[in-house]
């Protein structure tokens, strides 16, 4: 049950972080890159999707480590890696390879996620904290406003102000979700 407690605390935090960085991407790119690269913010979103599944998959694979049955994690990662590799090779031949290659990695990670869930459920009962996931999504909803404002503010000062405001909100959202997670008790 210790794993489920960790998962219930971590997943909403990771989801909120992913949402924040994804919707903040247009502002982050304006601070980090020259104007000619500002349209590359989509790649930050791809990266956050990849990171979300990487973190979640690593959390789920902890089950195999705690049960000392790591062989159950090998096949999902192997198949996900092979799937990504094949899709990348196919995508590289496309004119839209810039979009298809990151999507190939995301698809491979989703496959790892699905297969890990199937294999790890054979070891322990995985409890998804659906109420906390929903709460995390609701708390993350204001980040949509940040994204909708992306074309309104183009100066570096306005970008820093908007990003600072939403970063403070993100910190408080994480603190709130963490405090909620501390109140989770498992009675067997």
Protein backbone atom coordinates (compact mmCIF):
# COMPACT_ATOMS: atom_id res chain seq x y z
CA UNK A 1 0.00 0.00 0.00
CA UNK A 2 2.99 2.35 0.40
CA UNK A 3 3.30 2.49 -3.38
CA UNK A 4 -0.35 3.52 -3.81
CA UNK A 5 0.17 6.26 -1.23
CA UNK A 6 3.20 7.58 -3.15
CA UNK A 7 1.30 7.36 -6.45
CA UNK A 8 -1.73 9.16 -5.05
CA UNK A 9 0.49 11.99 -3.82
CA UNK A 10 2.72 12.25 -6.88
CA UNK A 11 0.38 11.86 -9.87
CA UNK A 12 -1.70 15.01 -9.24
CA UNK A 13 1.49 17.04 -8.66
CA UNK A 14 3.06 15.78 -11.88
CA UNK A 15 -0.16 16.42 -13.82
CA UNK A 16 -0.36 20.00 -12.53
CA UNK A 17 3.32 20.58 -13.36
CA UNK A 18 2.87 19.20 -16.86
CA UNK A 19 -0.15 21.40 -17.45
CA UNK A 20 1.62 24.50 -16.15
CA UNK A 21 4.73 24.04 -18.28
CA UNK A 22 2.70 23.08 -21.36
CA UNK A 23 0.50 26.19 -21.18
CA UNK A 24 3.49 28.38 -20.21
CA UNK A 25 5.52 27.18 -23.18
CA UNK A 26 4.85 30.25 -25.38
CA UNK A 27 6.15 32.49 -22.59
CA UNK A 28 9.11 30.28 -21.71
CA UNK A 29 10.28 30.21 -25.33
CA UNK A 30 10.06 34.02 -25.55
CA UNK A 31 12.45 34.30 -22.62
CA UNK A 32 14.86 31.58 -23.72
CA UNK A 33 15.03 31.98 -27.50
CA UNK A 34 15.23 34.57 -30.25
CA UNK A 35 12.01 35.74 -31.90
CA UNK A 36 12.52 33.55 -34.97
CA UNK A 37 12.17 30.49 -32.68
CA UNK A 38 9.02 31.60 -30.85
CA UNK A 39 6.84 29.20 -32.83
CA UNK A 40 8.87 26.29 -31.42
CA UNK A 41 6.88 26.41 -28.17
CA UNK A 42 4.99 23.33 -29.38
CA UNK A 43 8.15 21.30 -28.81
CA UNK A 44 8.12 22.26 -25.13
CA UNK A 45 4.59 20.83 -25.03
CA UNK A 46 5.79 17.64 -26.71
CA UNK A 47 8.63 17.45 -24.21
CA UNK A 48 6.26 17.85 -21.28
CA UNK A 49 4.01 15.09 -22.62
CA UNK A 50 7.04 12.82 -22.93
CA UNK A 51 8.17 13.78 -19.42
CA UNK A 52 4.70 13.16 -17.96
CA UNK A 53 4.69 9.60 -19.24
CA UNK A 54 8.34 9.06 -18.31
CA UNK A 55 7.71 10.12 -14.71
CA UNK A 56 4.45 8.18 -14.49
CA UNK A 57 6.02 5.08 -16.04
CA UNK A 58 8.91 5.28 -13.60
CA UNK A 59 6.47 5.53 -10.70
CA UNK A 60 4.56 2.49 -11.95
CA UNK A 61 7.75 0.50 -12.55
CA UNK A 62 8.67 1.03 -8.88
CA UNK A 63 6.15 -1.73 -8.20
CA UNK A 64 8.40 -4.27 -9.92
CA UNK A 65 11.38 -3.00 -7.93
CA UNK A 66 9.56 -3.17 -4.60
CA UNK A 67 8.33 -6.69 -5.36
CA UNK A 68 11.76 -7.70 -6.73
CA UNK A 69 10.21 -8.78 -10.02
CA UNK A 70 11.86 -6.36 -12.42
CA UNK A 71 11.46 -8.76 -15.35
CA UNK A 72 7.83 -7.65 -15.53
CA UNK A 73 8.99 -4.12 -16.46
CA UNK A 74 11.41 -5.18 -19.21
CA UNK A 75 8.88 -6.11 -21.90
CA UNK A 76 6.80 -2.88 -21.68
CA UNK A 77 9.90 -0.69 -21.99
CA UNK A 78 11.36 -2.86 -24.75
CA UNK A 79 8.15 -2.84 -26.81
CA UNK A 80 7.62 0.90 -26.23
CA UNK A 81 11.20 1.63 -27.30
CA UNK A 82 10.93 -0.51 -30.43
CA UNK A 83 7.58 1.09 -31.29
CA UNK A 84 9.07 4.59 -30.92
CA UNK A 85 12.09 3.62 -33.00
CA UNK A 86 9.99 2.20 -35.85
CA UNK A 87 7.66 5.21 -35.81
CA UNK A 88 10.64 7.59 -35.79
CA UNK A 89 12.16 5.84 -38.80
CA UNK A 90 8.84 6.10 -40.64
CA UNK A 91 8.35 9.72 -39.52
CA UNK A 92 11.82 10.75 -40.68
CA UNK A 93 10.69 10.19 -44.27
CA UNK A 94 7.68 12.49 -43.90
CA UNK A 95 7.62 16.18 -44.75
CA UNK A 96 6.12 16.79 -41.29
CA UNK A 97 8.84 14.88 -39.48
CA UNK A 98 9.26 17.73 -36.95
CA UNK A 99 5.82 16.91 -35.57
CA UNK A 100 5.74 13.17 -36.18
CA UNK A 101 9.02 12.34 -34.45
CA UNK A 102 7.98 13.75 -31.04
CA UNK A 103 4.57 12.12 -31.49
CA UNK A 104 6.37 8.82 -32.11
CA UNK A 105 8.11 9.11 -28.76
CA UNK A 106 4.83 10.00 -27.03
CA UNK A 107 3.08 7.00 -28.61
CA UNK A 108 5.91 4.72 -27.43
CA UNK A 109 5.58 6.11 -23.91
CA UNK A 110 1.81 5.63 -23.94
CA UNK A 111 2.36 2.00 -24.96
CA UNK A 112 4.84 1.57 -22.09
CA UNK A 113 2.25 3.10 -19.74
CA UNK A 114 -0.49 0.70 -20.85
CA UNK A 115 1.71 -2.40 -20.75
CA UNK A 116 3.24 -1.48 -17.39
CA UNK A 117 -0.24 -1.06 -15.96
CA UNK A 118 -1.24 -4.49 -17.21
CA UNK A 119 1.91 -6.16 -15.85
CA UNK A 120 2.05 -4.33 -12.53
CA UNK A 121 -1.62 -5.00 -11.78
CA UNK A 122 -0.60 -8.65 -11.61
CA UNK A 123 1.72 -7.76 -8.72
CA UNK A 124 -0.40 -5.30 -6.71
CA UNK A 125 -3.70 -3.51 -7.00
CA UNK A 126 -3.08 -0.09 -8.54
CA UNK A 127 -5.44 2.58 -7.26
CA UNK A 128 -5.76 5.60 -9.51
CA UNK A 129 -6.68 8.70 -7.47
CA UNK A 130 -9.41 9.84 -9.85
CA UNK A 131 -10.81 12.49 -7.47
CA UNK A 132 -7.34 13.95 -6.95
CA UNK A 133 -6.63 13.82 -10.69
CA UNK A 134 -9.88 15.72 -11.33
CA UNK A 135 -8.98 18.21 -8.59
CA UNK A 136 -5.55 18.68 -10.17
CA UNK A 137 -7.14 19.35 -13.57
CA UNK A 138 -9.62 21.82 -12.07
CA UNK A 139 -6.82 23.63 -10.21
CA UNK A 140 -4.79 23.67 -13.44
CA UNK A 141 -7.63 25.17 -15.47
CA UNK A 142 -6.44 28.82 -15.02
CA UNK A 143 -3.34 27.91 -17.04
CA UNK A 144 -5.65 27.80 -20.07
CA UNK A 145 -6.15 31.55 -19.59
CA UNK A 146 -2.39 32.01 -19.67
CA UNK A 147 -2.28 30.18 -22.98
CA UNK A 148 -5.16 32.21 -24.44
CA UNK A 149 -3.26 35.42 -23.65
CA UNK A 150 -0.13 34.28 -25.49
CA UNK A 151 -0.60 36.58 -28.50
CA UNK A 152 -1.75 39.57 -26.45
CA UNK A 153 1.56 40.19 -24.72
CA UNK A 154 4.72 40.04 -26.79
CA UNK A 155 7.15 42.33 -24.98
CA UNK A 156 9.70 40.72 -22.69
CA UNK A 157 8.36 42.68 -19.70
CA UNK A 158 4.76 41.59 -20.22
CA UNK A 159 5.96 38.03 -20.82
CA UNK A 160 7.88 38.05 -17.53
CA UNK A 161 4.90 39.53 -15.67
CA UNK A 162 2.42 36.97 -17.03
CA UNK A 163 4.84 34.09 -16.42
CA UNK A 164 5.56 35.35 -12.88
CA UNK A 165 1.87 35.60 -12.00
CA UNK A 166 1.11 32.10 -13.25
CA UNK A 167 4.30 30.72 -11.69
CA UNK A 168 3.16 32.00 -8.30
CA UNK A 169 -0.24 30.43 -8.88
CA UNK A 170 1.52 27.18 -9.84
CA UNK A 171 3.54 27.20 -6.60
CA UNK A 172 0.40 27.67 -4.53
CA UNK A 173 -1.44 25.00 -6.54
CA UNK A 174 1.41 22.53 -5.91
CA UNK A 175 1.42 23.39 -2.21
CA UNK A 176 -2.34 22.89 -2.03
CA UNK A 177 -2.17 19.53 -3.84
CA UNK A 178 0.72 18.44 -1.62
CA UNK A 179 -1.19 19.34 1.55
CA UNK A 180 -4.23 17.42 0.28
CA UNK A 181 -1.90 14.47 -0.41
CA UNK A 182 -0.59 14.54 3.16
CA UNK A 183 -4.12 13.97 4.44
CA UNK A 184 -4.48 10.71 2.52
CA UNK A 185 -4.67 7.75 4.89
CA UNK A 186 -4.74 4.11 3.96
CA UNK A 187 -6.55 1.79 6.29
CA UNK A 188 -6.31 -1.88 5.52
